[in-house]
Amino acid sequence: MIARRPPPLLLALESATSVLSVALLRGDELVDEVSAPLGPAAETLLPAIDTLLGRTGVEIQALEAFAVSIGPGSFTSLRVGIATVKGLAFGADCPVAPVSTLAALALAPGPTEATIVPMLDARRGQVYAAAYAGGSQRETLIEASVYTPHELCARLAAPCILVGEAVALCGEAIRAELGDGVALLPPPQGDPCARHVGVLGAEMLARGDAVDAAALAPHYLRRAEAEVKRVGERFEPAPGSSKRA
């Protein structure tokens, strides 16, 4: 009998918000996770990786794959996270899984049959949000985009779980409109985390959906103002699509 190859040793990074973390997984099984101290991503992410690898006794050369949160989220922190993975993966010629921040955040509530609505603050009275069906399939019910609370509420129905930093901005208003079937999961339980990025990254690797490090790019959803002036469009297309959000 031919021995089955073990799942790859995967390093996952989450830097979309002010709460940064890194995780080491063997396939989709968590080995260890480290939260970076509060501070600029450029100053805290690499030390967190060093701490994680030191704690687990893993040499960086032993890493076989990477997963990274690509957005939406903080423009600066996302760029730092992606640049870090590019630097680590490029020299090792390892595959990289680009993971939606909102899809990873949707894993925070754990197993549930309720619709899960990950939400991040997009400023200007808007949120980055999406909706996923509960259960094992996690079907996308509402595509990731920028919404006002009213626009999002018009697309939702209870029961659902609102999760993420934007719950503090509009969670109560949405619950008041949709009823008691709306549950709220704000931070810290509702923070994005690297272990969930790693789980989705492992699934992408198994499907053959990884990319080369050079192809990594953030998916902001909303463009920076300078970019809006340059291209004349405020929202970005989804990765691999020509359709605007």
Protein backbone atom coordinates (compact mmCIF):
# COMPACT_ATOMS: atom_id res chain seq x y z
CA MET A 1 0.00 0.00 0.00
CA ILE A 2 1.28 3.45 -0.93
CA ALA A 3 1.52 5.77 2.07
CA ARG A 4 -0.64 8.88 1.77
CA ARG A 5 1.23 12.15 1.71
CA PRO A 6 0.46 14.21 4.84
CA PRO A 7 -1.30 17.55 4.36
CA PRO A 8 1.06 20.50 3.85
CA LEU A 9 2.46 22.50 6.76
CA LEU A 10 0.74 25.84 6.25
CA LEU A 11 1.43 29.30 7.69
CA ALA A 12 -1.63 31.58 7.76
CA LEU A 13 -1.67 35.36 8.28
CA GLU A 14 -4.56 37.63 9.20
CA SER A 15 -3.83 41.37 9.01
CA ALA A 16 -7.07 42.91 7.74
CA THR A 17 -7.92 44.73 10.97
CA SER A 18 -6.07 46.06 14.00
CA VAL A 19 -6.09 42.55 15.51
CA LEU A 20 -3.27 40.69 13.74
CA SER A 21 -2.58 36.98 14.12
CA VAL A 22 -0.55 34.16 12.58
CA ALA A 23 -1.27 30.44 12.73
CA LEU A 24 0.45 27.21 11.84
CA LEU A 25 -1.70 24.37 10.52
CA ARG A 26 -1.11 20.86 9.26
CA GLY A 27 -3.74 20.80 6.56
CA ASP A 28 -6.83 22.20 8.28
CA GLU A 29 -5.73 21.11 11.77
CA LEU A 30 -4.45 23.92 13.98
CA VAL A 31 -0.96 23.43 15.42
CA ASP A 32 -0.62 26.80 17.17
CA GLU A 33 -1.69 30.43 16.82
CA VAL A 34 -0.15 33.70 17.97
CA SER A 35 -1.80 37.12 18.19
CA ALA A 36 0.47 40.03 17.36
CA PRO A 37 0.73 42.84 19.93
CA LEU A 38 -1.18 45.99 19.08
CA GLY A 39 0.85 48.25 16.83
CA PRO A 40 1.67 48.83 13.17
CA ALA A 41 1.51 45.62 11.15
CA ALA A 42 4.95 46.29 9.67
CA GLU A 43 6.45 46.20 13.17
CA THR A 44 4.48 43.35 14.74
CA LEU A 45 3.80 40.73 12.06
CA LEU A 46 7.30 39.33 11.56
CA PRO A 47 8.02 39.11 15.32
CA ALA A 48 4.72 37.22 15.71
CA ILE A 49 5.80 34.76 13.00
CA ASP A 50 9.16 34.31 14.75
CA THR A 51 7.36 33.65 18.04
CA LEU A 52 5.03 31.12 16.44
CA LEU A 53 7.80 29.19 14.70
CA GLY A 54 9.96 29.28 17.82
CA ARG A 55 7.12 27.98 19.97
CA THR A 56 6.37 25.12 17.61
CA GLY A 57 10.00 24.31 16.79
CA VAL A 58 9.36 24.64 13.05
CA GLU A 59 12.04 26.01 10.75
CA ILE A 60 10.81 28.43 8.14
CA GLN A 61 12.28 26.19 5.44
CA ALA A 62 9.86 23.45 6.53
CA LEU A 63 6.79 25.49 5.55
CA GLU A 64 5.06 24.04 2.48
CA ALA A 65 2.24 26.52 1.85
CA PHE A 66 0.83 29.87 2.92
CA ALA A 67 -2.59 31.43 3.34
CA VAL A 68 -3.26 35.13 3.76
CA SER A 69 -6.29 37.32 4.27
CA ILE A 70 -6.60 39.56 1.19
CA GLY A 71 -9.42 41.84 2.29
CA PRO A 72 -11.49 43.79 2.64
CA GLY A 73 -9.97 45.64 5.56
CA SER A 74 -7.28 48.17 6.40
CA PHE A 75 -5.44 49.14 3.22
CA THR A 76 -2.07 49.46 4.97
CA SER A 77 -2.29 46.30 7.09
CA LEU A 78 -3.46 44.19 4.15
CA ARG A 79 -0.51 45.37 2.07
CA VAL A 80 1.90 44.47 4.87
CA GLY A 81 0.42 41.00 5.28
CA ILE A 82 0.50 40.26 1.56
CA ALA A 83 4.03 41.64 1.17
CA THR A 84 5.17 39.45 4.08
CA VAL A 85 3.72 36.31 2.50
CA LYS A 86 5.19 37.22 -0.87
CA GLY A 87 8.64 37.51 0.68
CA LEU A 88 8.34 34.22 2.56
CA ALA A 89 6.69 32.21 -0.20
CA PHE A 90 8.64 33.52 -3.18
CA GLY A 91 12.01 32.27 -2.02
CA ALA A 92 10.55 28.90 -1.02
CA ASP A 93 8.51 28.50 -4.23
CA CYS A 94 5.45 27.59 -2.13
CA PRO A 95 1.79 27.88 -3.16
CA VAL A 96 -0.32 30.60 -1.56
CA ALA A 97 -4.06 30.61 -0.83
CA PRO A 98 -5.61 34.12 -1.07
CA VAL A 99 -8.51 34.05 1.42
CA SER A 100 -11.42 36.47 1.69
CA THR A 101 -11.37 38.23 5.05
CA LEU A 102 -15.16 38.09 5.24
CA ALA A 103 -15.28 34.37 4.41
CA ALA A 104 -12.74 33.68 7.17
CA LEU A 105 -14.64 35.88 9.62
CA ALA A 106 -17.80 33.87 8.88
CA LEU A 107 -16.19 30.87 10.62
CA ALA A 108 -16.04 32.72 13.96
CA PRO A 109 -19.49 31.64 15.25
CA GLY A 110 -18.67 27.95 14.82
CA PRO A 111 -21.20 25.33 13.59
CA THR A 112 -24.65 26.82 13.06
CA GLU A 113 -27.61 26.54 10.71
CA ALA A 114 -28.27 30.30 10.86
CA THR A 115 -27.15 32.65 8.11
CA ILE A 116 -23.79 34.20 9.02
CA VAL A 117 -23.17 37.86 8.15
CA PRO A 118 -19.53 38.98 8.59
CA MET A 119 -19.23 42.77 8.82
CA LEU A 120 -16.29 45.18 8.88
CA ASP A 121 -16.32 48.96 9.19
CA ALA A 122 -16.00 50.59 5.75
CA ARG A 123 -16.34 54.14 7.17
CA ARG A 124 -18.72 56.78 5.77
CA GLY A 125 -21.65 55.00 7.44
CA GLN A 126 -21.08 51.85 5.39
CA VAL A 127 -19.90 48.30 6.06
CA TYR A 128 -18.01 45.65 4.15
CA ALA A 129 -20.31 42.65 4.39
CA ALA A 130 -21.40 39.35 2.89
CA ALA A 131 -23.74 36.55 3.95
CA TYR A 132 -23.17 32.81 4.01
CA ALA A 133 -25.56 29.95 4.62
CA GLY A 134 -25.05 27.97 7.80
CA GLY A 135 -24.14 24.30 7.68
CA SER A 136 -21.22 22.58 6.04
CA GLN A 137 -21.64 24.00 2.51
CA ARG A 138 -21.27 27.71 3.46
CA GLU A 139 -23.03 28.83 0.27
CA THR A 140 -22.66 32.55 -0.51
CA LEU A 141 -26.07 34.20 -0.11
CA ILE A 142 -24.99 37.85 -0.42
CA GLU A 143 -21.86 38.74 -2.34
CA ALA A 144 -19.12 40.65 -0.56
CA SER A 145 -19.47 44.37 -1.19
CA VAL A 146 -19.94 47.75 0.49
CA TYR A 147 -23.41 48.33 1.94
CA THR A 148 -25.23 50.85 4.05
CA PRO A 149 -26.97 49.21 7.03
CA HIS A 150 -30.31 49.84 5.30
CA GLU A 151 -29.16 48.14 2.08
CA LEU A 152 -27.84 45.17 4.02
CA CYS A 153 -30.95 44.86 6.15
CA ALA A 154 -33.13 44.79 3.02
CA ARG A 155 -31.25 41.66 1.87
CA LEU A 156 -31.35 39.78 5.17
CA ALA A 157 -33.85 37.66 7.05
CA ALA A 158 -33.73 36.07 10.49
CA PRO A 159 -32.34 33.86 11.83
CA CYS A 160 -28.88 35.26 11.23
CA ILE A 161 -25.69 35.99 13.14
CA LEU A 162 -23.95 39.34 12.63
CA VAL A 163 -20.24 38.99 13.33
CA GLY A 164 -17.33 41.43 13.29
CA GLU A 165 -16.28 44.92 14.28
CA ALA A 166 -19.17 46.60 12.43
CA VAL A 167 -21.68 44.91 14.75
CA ALA A 168 -21.06 47.80 17.13
CA LEU A 169 -22.04 50.26 14.39
CA CYS A 170 -25.30 48.83 13.12
CA GLY A 171 -26.00 45.48 14.76
CA GLU A 172 -28.69 46.76 17.11
CA ALA A 173 -30.40 48.69 14.31
CA ILE A 174 -30.53 45.59 12.11
CA ARG A 175 -31.86 43.49 14.99
CA ALA A 176 -34.51 46.11 15.73
CA GLU A 177 -35.73 45.85 12.14
CA LEU A 178 -35.48 42.07 11.63
CA GLY A 179 -36.43 40.89 15.12
CA ASP A 180 -35.06 38.72 17.90
CA GLY A 181 -33.79 36.09 15.47
CA VAL A 182 -30.71 38.26 14.90
CA ALA A 183 -27.74 37.34 17.10
CA LEU A 184 -24.76 39.66 17.56
CA LEU A 185 -21.14 38.48 17.81
CA PRO A 186 -18.88 41.54 18.22
CA PRO A 187 -15.15 41.43 19.03
CA PRO A 188 -13.26 39.85 20.61
CA GLN A 189 -15.18 36.67 19.72
CA GLY A 190 -16.04 38.29 16.41
CA ASP A 191 -12.50 39.18 15.35
CA PRO A 192 -10.94 37.76 12.18
CA CYS A 193 -8.24 35.24 13.06
CA ALA A 194 -5.44 33.42 11.28
CA ARG A 195 -6.67 29.93 12.17
CA HIS A 196 -9.81 30.49 10.08
CA VAL A 197 -7.75 31.92 7.23
CA GLY A 198 -5.70 28.74 7.45
CA VAL A 199 -8.74 26.44 7.37
CA LEU A 200 -10.09 28.10 4.22
CA GLY A 201 -6.59 28.21 2.78
CA ALA A 202 -6.19 24.46 3.27
CA GLU A 203 -9.49 23.90 1.46
CA MET A 204 -8.30 26.07 -1.43
CA LEU A 205 -5.03 24.16 -1.65
CA ALA A 206 -6.91 20.85 -1.73
CA ARG A 207 -9.05 22.15 -4.61
CA GLY A 208 -6.01 23.39 -6.50
CA ASP A 209 -7.04 27.04 -6.11
CA ALA A 210 -3.71 28.34 -4.80
CA VAL A 211 -1.72 31.01 -6.66
CA ASP A 212 1.92 31.89 -7.10
CA ALA A 213 3.22 34.44 -4.61
CA ALA A 214 3.80 36.94 -7.42
CA ALA A 215 0.07 36.89 -8.27
CA LEU A 216 -1.07 37.90 -4.77
CA ALA A 217 -3.04 41.14 -4.60
CA PRO A 218 -5.29 42.73 -1.98
CA HIS A 219 -9.04 42.87 -2.58
CA TYR A 220 -10.09 46.11 -0.95
CA LEU A 221 -13.64 46.24 -2.43
CA ARG A 222 -13.51 50.03 -2.13
CA ARG A 223 -10.65 51.77 -3.91
CA ALA A 224 -8.50 54.42 -2.26
CA GLU A 225 -9.45 57.97 -3.28
CA ALA A 226 -6.35 58.39 -5.43
CA GLU A 227 -7.26 55.21 -7.31
CA VAL A 228 -10.85 56.38 -7.75
CA LYS A 229 -9.58 59.54 -9.44
CA ARG A 230 -7.27 57.49 -11.66
CA VAL A 231 -9.70 54.82 -12.90
CA GLY A 232 -13.03 56.57 -12.36
CA GLU A 233 -14.55 53.66 -10.40
CA ARG A 234 -14.95 53.39 -6.64
CA PHE A 235 -15.32 49.61 -6.23
CA GLU A 236 -13.01 46.78 -7.24
CA PRO A 237 -13.99 43.62 -9.12
CA ALA A 238 -13.77 40.32 -7.27
CA PRO A 239 -10.51 38.45 -7.89
CA GLY A 240 -10.66 36.60 -11.19
CA SER A 241 -13.76 38.48 -12.33
CA SER A 242 -14.33 41.46 -14.61
CA LYS A 243 -17.63 42.28 -12.92
CA ARG A 244 -17.67 45.29 -10.61
CA ALA A 245 -18.93 44.84 -7.07
